[in-house]
Protein backbone atom coordinates (compact mmCIF):
# COMPACT_ATOMS: atom_id res chain seq x y z
CA MET A 1 157.75 235.80 46.92
CA HIS A 2 154.96 233.53 48.86
CA THR A 3 153.07 234.32 45.98
CA SER A 4 155.36 233.06 43.02
CA GLY A 5 156.47 229.83 44.34
CA GLY A 6 153.21 228.73 45.11
CA LEU A 7 152.78 228.93 41.79
CA HIS A 8 155.67 227.78 40.97
CA ARG A 9 154.38 224.69 43.64
CA LEU A 10 151.03 224.60 41.61
CA THR A 11 152.67 224.72 38.15
CA ARG A 12 155.55 221.34 38.85
CA ILE A 13 152.05 219.89 39.85
CA ARG A 14 149.72 220.38 37.12
CA ASP A 15 153.10 219.53 35.04
CA ARG A 16 153.88 216.13 36.91
CA ILE A 17 149.70 215.18 36.05
CA GLN A 18 149.72 215.95 32.65
CA ALA A 19 152.89 213.84 32.05
CA GLU A 20 151.12 210.57 33.66
CA HIS A 21 148.22 211.48 32.16
CA GLU A 22 150.11 210.55 29.40
CA LEU A 23 152.20 208.19 29.46
CA LEU A 24 149.28 207.11 31.36
CA GLY A 25 147.39 207.03 27.81
CA HIS A 26 150.77 205.91 25.95
CA ARG A 27 150.10 202.94 28.10
CA LEU A 28 146.17 201.83 27.75
CA ALA A 29 147.36 203.02 23.97
CA THR A 30 149.75 199.61 23.73
CA PHE A 31 147.67 197.68 25.68
CA LEU A 32 145.16 197.77 23.02
CA ASN A 33 146.93 197.19 20.24
CA GLN A 34 149.27 194.34 21.45
CA ASN A 35 146.33 192.49 22.45
CA ILE A 36 142.40 193.55 20.87
CA LEU A 37 142.75 196.09 18.36
CA GLU A 38 144.80 194.01 16.03
CA ASP A 39 142.47 191.16 16.20
CA PHE A 40 139.80 193.88 16.06
CA PRO A 41 139.94 196.47 13.19
CA TRP A 42 139.43 199.81 14.30
CA PRO A 43 138.52 202.62 13.57
CA GLY A 44 135.90 200.93 10.68
CA ALA A 45 133.98 197.70 10.48
CA GLY A 46 134.43 194.52 12.15
CA SER A 47 132.85 191.44 12.11
CA LEU A 48 132.99 188.86 15.21
CA PHE A 49 131.63 186.19 12.46
CA SER A 50 133.87 183.99 10.26
CA ASN A 51 132.33 182.04 7.25
CA SER A 52 130.77 178.84 8.27
CA GLN A 53 132.55 175.82 7.52
CA GLY A 54 130.74 172.07 6.95
CA LEU A 55 130.60 169.85 9.15
CA TYR A 56 129.90 166.11 7.57
CA PRO A 57 128.37 163.32 10.50
CA SER A 58 128.80 159.97 9.43
CA GLY A 59 125.62 157.64 8.83
CA ASP A 60 121.97 157.66 8.78
CA GLY A 61 120.50 157.16 12.41
CA ASN A 62 124.28 157.86 14.20
CA TRP A 63 125.26 160.82 16.87
CA ASN A 64 128.34 162.37 15.98
CA TYR A 65 130.19 164.33 18.40
CA PHE A 66 132.59 167.79 18.30
CA LYS A 67 133.97 170.29 20.62
CA ALA A 68 133.04 173.91 20.24
CA PRO A 69 136.89 175.96 20.13
CA THR A 70 134.66 179.41 20.00
CA ASP A 71 131.46 180.08 20.64
CA GLY A 72 129.69 179.93 17.54
CA PHE A 73 126.03 178.42 15.91
CA VAL A 74 125.56 175.26 14.51
CA ILE A 75 122.95 174.95 11.66
CA GLY A 76 121.11 172.27 10.90
CA VAL A 77 119.10 171.98 6.58
CA ILE A 78 116.50 170.06 6.54
CA ALA A 79 116.49 169.76 1.84
CA ALA A 80 113.20 168.93 0.42
CA PRO A 81 114.00 166.07 -2.19
CA ASP A 82 113.59 166.20 -6.10
CA SER A 83 109.72 165.08 -5.96
CA SER A 84 107.39 166.38 -4.00
CA SER A 85 104.75 163.55 -4.47
CA ASP A 86 106.69 160.76 -3.06
CA GLY A 87 106.77 159.78 0.91
CA CYS A 88 109.66 161.68 2.20
CA MET A 89 110.29 161.96 6.30
CA CYS A 90 113.66 163.27 7.89
CA TRP A 91 114.45 163.88 11.52
CA ALA A 92 117.69 166.32 12.21
CA ASP A 93 118.26 166.44 15.96
CA ALA A 94 121.35 168.52 16.97
CA GLN A 95 122.45 169.04 21.59
CA THR A 96 124.32 170.91 23.54
CA ASN A 97 124.44 171.80 27.63
CA GLY A 98 121.45 168.93 27.36
CA VAL A 99 119.37 171.33 25.34
CA ILE A 100 117.30 169.23 22.44
CA TRP A 101 116.84 170.26 19.84
CA ARG A 102 114.88 168.76 16.72
CA ILE A 103 113.03 169.64 13.46
CA THR A 104 110.81 167.38 10.60
CA GLY A 105 111.68 168.10 7.55
CA GLY A 106 110.65 166.25 3.57
CA ASN A 107 107.21 166.41 2.16
CA VAL A 108 103.77 167.02 3.94
CA GLY A 109 100.48 166.41 2.80
CA PHE A 110 97.35 168.22 3.28
CA PHE A 111 94.00 168.63 2.06
CA GLY A 112 93.30 171.63 -0.61
CA ALA A 113 90.19 172.46 -1.96
CA ASP A 114 87.08 170.26 -2.07
CA TRP A 115 89.05 167.84 0.27
CA ASP A 116 91.70 167.09 -2.17
CA HIS A 117 94.51 165.10 -1.33
CA CYS A 118 97.73 167.29 -2.14
CA MET A 119 101.52 167.24 -1.49
CA ALA A 120 104.50 169.88 -1.24
CA HIS A 121 108.02 170.25 0.41
CA ASN A 122 108.27 170.82 3.76
CA PRO A 123 112.15 171.63 4.26
CA ASN A 124 113.18 172.53 7.57
CA SER A 125 115.93 174.29 9.81
CA LEU A 126 117.48 174.62 13.05
CA THR A 127 120.36 176.77 14.60
CA MET A 128 121.49 176.50 17.98
CA PRO A 129 123.92 178.36 20.15
CA VAL A 130 127.37 176.71 21.74
CA GLN A 131 129.42 178.00 24.07
CA VAL A 132 133.73 177.61 23.46
CA GLY A 133 134.75 174.95 25.11
CA ALA A 134 131.53 173.29 24.53
CA ASP A 135 130.64 169.70 23.50
CA PHE A 136 128.01 169.57 20.45
CA SER A 137 125.97 166.38 18.84
CA ILE A 138 123.65 165.60 15.49
CA CYS A 139 122.24 163.16 14.06
CA SER A 140 119.74 163.02 11.60
CA TRP A 141 117.37 160.39 10.26
CA GLN A 142 115.32 159.30 7.52
CA GLY A 143 111.64 157.23 7.17
CA SER A 144 111.55 153.87 7.29
CA ASP A 145 108.48 152.61 6.18
CA ASN A 146 107.10 153.75 2.69
CA GLN A 147 109.59 155.96 2.33
CA GLN A 148 109.90 156.82 -1.78
CA SER A 149 112.29 159.71 -1.40
CA ASN A 150 115.44 160.34 1.22
CA ALA A 151 115.71 163.77 1.90
CA SER A 152 118.89 165.97 2.35
CA VAL A 153 120.25 166.70 5.33
CA TYR A 154 123.40 169.63 5.55
CA TRP A 155 125.48 170.47 9.05
CA TYR A 156 127.17 173.22 9.11
CA TRP A 157 129.25 175.81 12.13
CA ILE A 158 129.46 179.69 11.99
CA PRO A 159 132.44 180.75 14.10
CA ILE A 160 132.36 183.34 16.72
CA GLY A 161 135.15 185.73 17.60
CA VAL A 162 138.60 187.71 16.83
CA GLY A 163 141.76 186.04 16.33
CA GLN A 164 140.20 182.04 17.07
CA ALA A 165 137.54 182.99 14.06
CA GLN A 166 139.01 180.38 11.73
CA SER A 167 139.38 177.44 13.90
CA THR A 168 136.92 174.71 12.78
CA PRO A 169 134.83 171.68 15.69
CA GLU A 170 137.03 168.83 16.87
CA ALA A 171 135.04 165.73 16.02
CA ILE A 172 135.25 163.44 19.48
CA ALA A 173 134.78 159.11 19.65
CA LYS A 174 132.67 159.85 22.72
CA PRO A 175 129.83 162.71 24.41
CA GLY A 176 130.00 165.03 27.33
CA SER A 177 128.62 163.97 30.60
CA ASN A 178 125.70 166.34 30.01
CA PHE A 179 124.66 164.20 26.23
CA VAL A 180 121.03 163.37 26.48
CA SER A 181 120.01 159.78 25.01
CA VAL A 182 116.59 160.71 23.48
CA PRO A 183 114.42 158.62 21.51
CA PRO A 184 114.76 157.63 17.78
CA PRO A 185 111.63 159.29 15.96
CA LYS A 186 109.55 156.60 14.38
CA MET A 187 106.71 156.78 11.85
CA THR A 188 103.51 155.22 11.69
CA VAL A 189 101.72 154.26 8.55
CA LYS A 190 98.08 154.02 8.78
CA ARG A 191 96.75 151.98 5.31
CA GLU A 192 93.74 153.31 3.26
CA ARG A 193 91.08 151.17 3.49
CA ASN A 194 89.58 149.69 0.44
CA VAL A 195 86.21 151.26 0.02
CA ASP A 196 85.72 148.87 -3.51
CA ASP A 197 86.24 146.54 -1.72
CA PHE A 198 83.61 147.05 1.07
CA ILE A 199 81.20 148.17 -0.35
CA GLU A 200 80.96 144.98 -2.93
CA ALA A 201 81.41 142.76 0.22
CA LEU A 202 78.93 144.21 1.56
CA GLU A 203 76.44 143.98 -1.54
CA GLU A 204 77.56 140.04 -1.95
CA LEU A 205 76.18 139.80 2.22
CA SER A 206 72.82 140.58 1.42
CA GLY A 207 72.36 139.56 -2.56
CA LYS A 208 71.61 143.80 -3.36
CA THR A 209 72.74 146.22 -5.48
CA ILE A 210 73.92 149.17 -3.09
CA ASP A 211 72.87 152.41 -5.32
CA ASP A 212 75.03 155.54 -5.39
CA ARG A 213 73.59 157.74 -2.61
CA LEU A 214 73.26 154.24 -0.10
CA LYS A 215 77.03 154.30 -0.85
CA LYS A 216 78.09 157.58 -0.24
CA LYS A 217 75.78 157.17 2.74
CA LEU A 218 78.11 154.21 4.46
CA LEU A 219 81.05 155.69 2.95
CA SER A 220 80.08 159.14 5.53
CA GLY A 221 80.44 156.98 8.10
CA LEU A 222 84.01 155.32 7.48
């Protein structure tokens, strides 16, 4: 009888533990369904990224300020101009929490074979992570001196997270306390000296004609 009574008590304890485990599992499943799984597909594939949204800052050289509704990424793109032979320089800046990103785009000049003068498109892009609730700022500048074509600049916001992934950044009037005031980029054009005028002036000064061999030697020193 003593052994039978002990087995009955053990059975009741086992049944109570099993019932408590089932209740705990039910409560956990209810919590997950109400707080997590309804916003994040499970099981199966799910995505923390939403579609990109355009940001449209106003004015060349004007900082525009936003507040991030979720974690996300700001992407800035400097597209090349239509012609690769036009003089074109463009800068794009972005910053958040006191950290600054800057890129340069437009067209680029370089030396080719036999020191030929060459030009090519030079598009560029930046990607800046932003925390939820943080301010971020974006700005772009076009070149000034000798600029023949402007580059197009595009800005995008890619939110991260479930539930609020479609949220759009709020435009704000003033930057946050971590905003860093940076000087605008500068552009200097160095005018190429007119070598023909230089040679002619030497010939006029000396009263003699400078032959091709000496011309080449003089020009190599410029």
